[in-house]
Amino acid sequence: MRRSLMTVILTSATMLVLGTSGSGTISAAGTLATPAQASGPQDRALEGTWRVQITLRDCQTGNPLGVPFLSLVTYARGGTVTATTARVSPALLSPFYGVWAHTGGHTFASVAQAFLFNPAGAWTGTQTLRQAIDFGGSPDEYSVTATIEIANPVGTVVSTGCASADGTRMTE
């Protein structure tokens, strides 16, 4: 059941990465699916608040683009996610809201979306992030590969991007 939900999330929704490119804000649009309910301890391993260092990457070469930046991400019981970033002013980018699910073993996936605004405060579109999350040997650290889509207010994707990230669980 969880795998089929995640397939729906990953194929019917776009995810967002918290950042900008040199030419403007990276954003995307998509449809968010209903989160799955966690049923066991492994399913809930992602729950909590994480300090995440994000690196935007060239999708073709994997080379880093610009300087890494920080984000705070909270994965809540029941499958919701909320995130903020230090990369873009809150006046230009709303918090991200989305869903996450356990995809098996030590892996999870999430989809989240934020609103984008210009300096005058007008809504310019959405940024959507799709993440594949993998715990290595530690329950308090994870790595992410992500894709980004940016859409204008009518939902047309105008830009895409890629990123990687490393998260550390906040314990105090």
C-alpha atoms as a PDB file:
ATOM      1  CA  MET A   1       0.000   0.000   0.000  1.00  0.00           C
ATOM      2  CA  ARG A   2       2.763   2.491   0.857  1.00  0.00           C
ATOM      3  CA  ARG A   3       4.656   1.845  -2.361  1.00  0.00           C
ATOM      4  CA  SER A   4       1.562   2.482  -4.455  1.00  0.00           C
ATOM      5  CA  LEU A   5       0.883   5.750  -2.598  1.00  0.00           C
ATOM      6  CA  MET A   6       4.471   6.885  -3.138  1.00  0.00           C
ATOM      7  CA  THR A   7       4.228   5.987  -6.815  1.00  0.00           C
ATOM      8  CA  VAL A   8       1.188   8.254  -7.000  1.00  0.00           C
ATOM      9  CA  ILE A   9       3.034  11.022  -5.150  1.00  0.00           C
ATOM     10  CA  LEU A  10       6.129  10.810  -7.317  1.00  0.00           C
ATOM     11  CA  THR A  11       4.316  10.517 -10.631  1.00  0.00           C
ATOM     12  CA  SER A  12       1.423  12.921 -10.076  1.00  0.00           C
ATOM     13  CA  ALA A  13       3.153  15.640  -8.071  1.00  0.00           C
ATOM     14  CA  THR A  14       6.176  17.836  -8.435  1.00  0.00           C
ATOM     15  CA  MET A  15       8.500  18.690  -5.581  1.00  0.00           C
ATOM     16  CA  LEU A  16      10.292  21.837  -4.700  1.00  0.00           C
ATOM     17  CA  VAL A  17      13.812  22.674  -3.730  1.00  0.00           C
ATOM     18  CA  LEU A  18      14.355  25.689  -1.565  1.00  0.00           C
ATOM     19  CA  GLY A  19      16.565  28.024  -3.529  1.00  0.00           C
ATOM     20  CA  THR A  20      17.195  30.294  -6.470  1.00  0.00           C
ATOM     21  CA  SER A  21      19.272  30.167  -9.608  1.00  0.00           C
ATOM     22  CA  GLY A  22      21.436  32.969 -10.887  1.00  0.00           C
ATOM     23  CA  SER A  23      18.652  34.047 -13.250  1.00  0.00           C
ATOM     24  CA  GLY A  24      15.802  33.952 -10.758  1.00  0.00           C
ATOM     25  CA  THR A  25      13.818  31.859  -8.366  1.00  0.00           C
ATOM     26  CA  ILE A  26      13.521  28.120  -8.936  1.00  0.00           C
ATOM     27  CA  SER A  27       9.921  27.060  -8.501  1.00  0.00           C
ATOM     28  CA  ALA A  28       7.398  24.510  -9.693  1.00  0.00           C
ATOM     29  CA  ALA A  29       3.763  23.474  -9.612  1.00  0.00           C
ATOM     30  CA  GLY A  30       2.061  20.180  -9.008  1.00  0.00           C
ATOM     31  CA  THR A  31      -0.654  18.239  -7.281  1.00  0.00           C
ATOM     32  CA  LEU A  32      -0.102  16.936  -3.782  1.00  0.00           C
ATOM     33  CA  ALA A  33      -1.316  13.485  -2.812  1.00  0.00           C
ATOM     34  CA  THR A  34      -2.817  12.455   0.527  1.00  0.00           C
ATOM     35  CA  PRO A  35      -0.139  11.299   3.009  1.00  0.00           C
ATOM     36  CA  ALA A  36       0.103   7.730   4.234  1.00  0.00           C
ATOM     37  CA  GLN A  37      -0.309   6.893   7.899  1.00  0.00           C
ATOM     38  CA  ALA A  38       2.855   5.549   9.534  1.00  0.00           C
ATOM     39  CA  SER A  39       2.255   2.149  11.082  1.00  0.00           C
ATOM     40  CA  GLY A  40       5.612   0.960  12.435  1.00  0.00           C
ATOM     41  CA  PRO A  41       8.835   2.338  13.934  1.00  0.00           C
ATOM     42  CA  GLN A  42      10.680   2.309  10.583  1.00  0.00           C
ATOM     43  CA  ASP A  43       7.802   4.204   8.977  1.00  0.00           C
ATOM     44  CA  ARG A  44       8.242   6.982  11.573  1.00  0.00           C
ATOM     45  CA  ALA A  45      12.067   7.232  11.406  1.00  0.00           C
ATOM     46  CA  LEU A  46      11.822  10.472   9.441  1.00  0.00           C
ATOM     47  CA  GLU A  47       9.577  12.222  11.980  1.00  0.00           C
ATOM     48  CA  GLY A  48      11.112  15.256  13.640  1.00  0.00           C
ATOM     49  CA  THR A  49      12.859  18.490  12.684  1.00  0.00           C
ATOM     50  CA  TRP A  50      15.994  18.451  10.552  1.00  0.00           C
ATOM     51  CA  ARG A  51      18.703  20.978   9.730  1.00  0.00           C
ATOM     52  CA  VAL A  52      19.406  20.453   6.025  1.00  0.00           C
ATOM     53  CA  GLN A  53      22.264  21.739   3.856  1.00  0.00           C
ATOM     54  CA  ILE A  54      21.140  21.984   0.230  1.00  0.00           C
ATOM     55  CA  THR A  55      23.322  22.173  -2.882  1.00  0.00           C
ATOM     56  CA  LEU A  56      21.712  23.110  -6.189  1.00  0.00           C
ATOM     57  CA  ARG A  57      23.161  20.989  -9.024  1.00  0.00           C
ATOM     58  CA  ASP A  58      23.383  20.992 -12.798  1.00  0.00           C
ATOM     59  CA  CYS A  59      20.950  18.225 -13.796  1.00  0.00           C
ATOM     60  CA  GLN A  60      23.179  17.067 -16.675  1.00  0.00           C
ATOM     61  CA  THR A  61      26.597  17.002 -14.981  1.00  0.00           C
ATOM     62  CA  GLY A  62      25.738  16.909 -11.273  1.00  0.00           C
ATOM     63  CA  ASN A  63      28.166  19.794 -10.702  1.00  0.00           C
ATOM     64  CA  PRO A  64      27.250  22.175  -7.840  1.00  0.00           C
ATOM     65  CA  LEU A  65      25.667  25.520  -8.719  1.00  0.00           C
ATOM     66  CA  GLY A  66      26.505  28.271  -6.255  1.00  0.00           C
ATOM     67  CA  VAL A  67      27.035  28.064  -2.525  1.00  0.00           C
ATOM     68  CA  PRO A  68      25.143  25.502  -0.365  1.00  0.00           C
ATOM     69  CA  PHE A  69      22.430  26.947   1.885  1.00  0.00           C
ATOM     70  CA  LEU A  70      20.459  25.879   4.947  1.00  0.00           C
ATOM     71  CA  SER A  71      16.866  24.845   5.429  1.00  0.00           C
ATOM     72  CA  LEU A  72      14.780  23.642   8.370  1.00  0.00           C
ATOM     73  CA  VAL A  73      12.434  20.763   7.588  1.00  0.00           C
ATOM     74  CA  THR A  74       9.831  19.152   9.873  1.00  0.00           C
ATOM     75  CA  TYR A  75       8.319  15.751   9.048  1.00  0.00           C
ATOM     76  CA  ALA A  76       5.179  15.215  11.140  1.00  0.00           C
ATOM     77  CA  ARG A  77       3.448  11.986  12.157  1.00  0.00           C
ATOM     78  CA  GLY A  78       0.751  11.205   9.638  1.00  0.00           C
ATOM     79  CA  GLY A  79       2.875  12.135   6.629  1.00  0.00           C
ATOM     80  CA  THR A  80       3.019  15.934   6.361  1.00  0.00           C
ATOM     81  CA  VAL A  81       6.138  18.056   5.837  1.00  0.00           C
ATOM     82  CA  THR A  82       6.844  21.769   6.396  1.00  0.00           C
ATOM     83  CA  ALA A  83      10.071  23.529   5.409  1.00  0.00           C
ATOM     84  CA  THR A  84      11.683  26.957   5.349  1.00  0.00           C
ATOM     85  CA  THR A  85      14.956  28.149   3.858  1.00  0.00           C
ATOM     86  CA  ALA A  86      17.584  30.788   4.559  1.00  0.00           C
ATOM     87  CA  ARG A  87      18.277  31.110   0.809  1.00  0.00           C
ATOM     88  CA  VAL A  88      15.253  33.242  -0.116  1.00  0.00           C
ATOM     89  CA  SER A  89      13.559  35.981   1.905  1.00  0.00           C
ATOM     90  CA  PRO A  90      10.209  34.965   3.437  1.00  0.00           C
ATOM     91  CA  ALA A  91       8.769  37.975   1.579  1.00  0.00           C
ATOM     92  CA  LEU A  92       9.563  36.200  -1.719  1.00  0.00           C
ATOM     93  CA  LEU A  93       8.973  32.529  -0.841  1.00  0.00           C
ATOM     94  CA  SER A  94       6.338  31.062   1.481  1.00  0.00           C
ATOM     95  CA  PRO A  95       7.093  28.040   3.664  1.00  0.00           C
ATOM     96  CA  PHE A  96       6.864  24.701   1.868  1.00  0.00           C
ATOM     97  CA  TYR A  97       3.989  22.366   2.672  1.00  0.00           C
ATOM     98  CA  GLY A  98       3.702  18.794   1.494  1.00  0.00           C
ATOM     99  CA  VAL A  99       3.566  15.079   2.175  1.00  0.00           C
ATOM    100  CA  TRP A 100       6.047  12.280   2.834  1.00  0.00           C
ATOM    101  CA  ALA A 101       5.915   8.475   2.903  1.00  0.00           C
ATOM    102  CA  HIS A 102       8.124   5.507   3.733  1.00  0.00           C
ATOM    103  CA  THR A 103       9.053   3.758   0.476  1.00  0.00           C
ATOM    104  CA  GLY A 104      10.795   0.741   2.028  1.00  0.00           C
ATOM    105  CA  GLY A 105      13.896  -0.111   4.033  1.00  0.00           C
ATOM    106  CA  HIS A 106      15.741   3.091   4.905  1.00  0.00           C
ATOM    107  CA  THR A 107      14.166   5.196   2.147  1.00  0.00           C
ATOM    108  CA  PHE A 108      11.440   7.819   2.071  1.00  0.00           C
ATOM    109  CA  ALA A 109      10.038  10.222  -0.506  1.00  0.00           C
ATOM    110  CA  SER A 110       8.403  13.609  -0.175  1.00  0.00           C
ATOM    111  CA  VAL A 111       6.650  16.219  -2.275  1.00  0.00           C
ATOM    112  CA  ALA A 112       6.249  19.831  -1.134  1.00  0.00           C
ATOM    113  CA  GLN A 113       5.174  23.143  -2.598  1.00  0.00           C
ATOM    114  CA  ALA A 114       5.636  26.857  -1.842  1.00  0.00           C
ATOM    115  CA  PHE A 115       4.290  30.110  -3.261  1.00  0.00           C
ATOM    116  CA  LEU A 116       6.623  32.602  -4.973  1.00  0.00           C
ATOM    117  CA  PHE A 117       6.218  36.386  -4.887  1.00  0.00           C
ATOM    118  CA  ASN A 118       7.979  39.300  -6.566  1.00  0.00           C
ATOM    119  CA  PRO A 119       9.468  42.186  -4.509  1.00  0.00           C
ATOM    120  CA  ALA A 120       6.191  44.134  -4.858  1.00  0.00           C
ATOM    121  CA  GLY A 121       4.367  41.226  -3.162  1.00  0.00           C
ATOM    122  CA  ALA A 122       2.509  39.889  -6.217  1.00  0.00           C
ATOM    123  CA  TRP A 123       2.174  36.110  -6.558  1.00  0.00           C
ATOM    124  CA  THR A 124       4.414  34.891  -9.406  1.00  0.00           C
ATOM    125  CA  GLY A 125       3.958  31.113  -9.209  1.00  0.00           C
ATOM    126  CA  THR A 126       4.855  28.012  -7.266  1.00  0.00           C
ATOM    127  CA  GLN A 127       7.976  26.027  -6.501  1.00  0.00           C
ATOM    128  CA  THR A 128       7.608  22.270  -6.120  1.00  0.00           C
ATOM    129  CA  LEU A 129      10.224  19.826  -4.826  1.00  0.00           C
ATOM    130  CA  ARG A 130      10.342  16.040  -5.230  1.00  0.00           C
ATOM    131  CA  GLN A 131      12.809  14.305  -2.887  1.00  0.00           C
ATOM    132  CA  ALA A 132      14.196  10.800  -2.526  1.00  0.00           C
ATOM    133  CA  ILE A 133      15.481  10.508   1.062  1.00  0.00           C
ATOM    134  CA  ASP A 134      17.947   7.821   2.151  1.00  0.00           C
ATOM    135  CA  PHE A 135      19.185   7.052   5.653  1.00  0.00           C
ATOM    136  CA  GLY A 136      22.712   5.642   5.663  1.00  0.00           C
ATOM    137  CA  GLY A 137      24.056   4.004   8.803  1.00  0.00           C
ATOM    138  CA  SER A 138      22.710   6.622  11.232  1.00  0.00           C
ATOM    139  CA  PRO A 139      19.089   7.281  12.248  1.00  0.00           C
ATOM    140  CA  ASP A 140      20.008  10.938  12.754  1.00  0.00           C
ATOM    141  CA  GLU A 141      21.412  11.700   9.284  1.00  0.00           C
ATOM    142  CA  TYR A 142      20.050  11.399   5.762  1.00  0.00           C
ATOM    143  CA  SER A 143      20.944  12.292   2.187  1.00  0.00           C
ATOM    144  CA  VAL A 144      18.593  13.566  -0.500  1.00  0.00           C
ATOM    145  CA  THR A 145      18.448  13.735  -4.258  1.00  0.00           C
ATOM    146  CA  ALA A 146      15.811  16.147  -5.471  1.00  0.00           C
ATOM    147  CA  THR A 147      14.176  17.552  -8.565  1.00  0.00           C
ATOM    148  CA  ILE A 148      12.653  21.007  -8.789  1.00  0.00           C
ATOM    149  CA  GLU A 149       9.950  22.472 -10.958  1.00  0.00           C
ATOM    150  CA  ILE A 150       8.869  26.102 -11.126  1.00  0.00           C
ATOM    151  CA  ALA A 151       5.488  27.052 -12.515  1.00  0.00           C
ATOM    152  CA  ASN A 152       3.850  30.349 -13.338  1.00  0.00           C
ATOM    153  CA  PRO A 153       0.454  31.265 -11.808  1.00  0.00           C
ATOM    154  CA  VAL A 154      -1.471  29.287 -14.456  1.00  0.00           C
ATOM    155  CA  GLY A 155       0.559  26.133 -13.715  1.00  0.00           C
ATOM    156  CA  THR A 156       2.856  26.071 -16.749  1.00  0.00           C
ATOM    157  CA  VAL A 157       6.305  24.761 -15.781  1.00  0.00           C
ATOM    158  CA  VAL A 158       8.838  27.441 -16.720  1.00  0.00           C
ATOM    159  CA  SER A 159      11.992  26.039 -15.117  1.00  0.00           C
ATOM    160  CA  THR A 160      13.367  22.805 -13.698  1.00  0.00           C
ATOM    161  CA  GLY A 161      16.364  21.990 -11.549  1.00  0.00           C
ATOM    162  CA  CYS A 162      18.146  19.423  -9.420  1.00  0.00           C
ATOM    163  CA  ALA A 163      19.678  19.403  -5.950  1.00  0.00           C
ATOM    164  CA  SER A 164      21.282  17.235  -3.321  1.00  0.00           C
ATOM    165  CA  ALA A 165      21.090  17.696   0.431  1.00  0.00           C
ATOM    166  CA  ASP A 166      22.324  16.306   3.724  1.00  0.00           C
ATOM    167  CA  GLY A 167      20.097  16.426   6.802  1.00  0.00           C
ATOM    168  CA  THR A 168      20.936  16.165  10.498  1.00  0.00           C
ATOM    169  CA  ARG A 169      18.208  15.568  13.072  1.00  0.00           C
ATOM    170  CA  MET A 170      17.772  18.361  15.617  1.00  0.00           C
ATOM    171  CA  THR A 171      17.886  16.866  19.081  1.00  0.00           C
ATOM    172  CA  GLU A 172      18.014  19.970  21.286  1.00  0.00           C
END
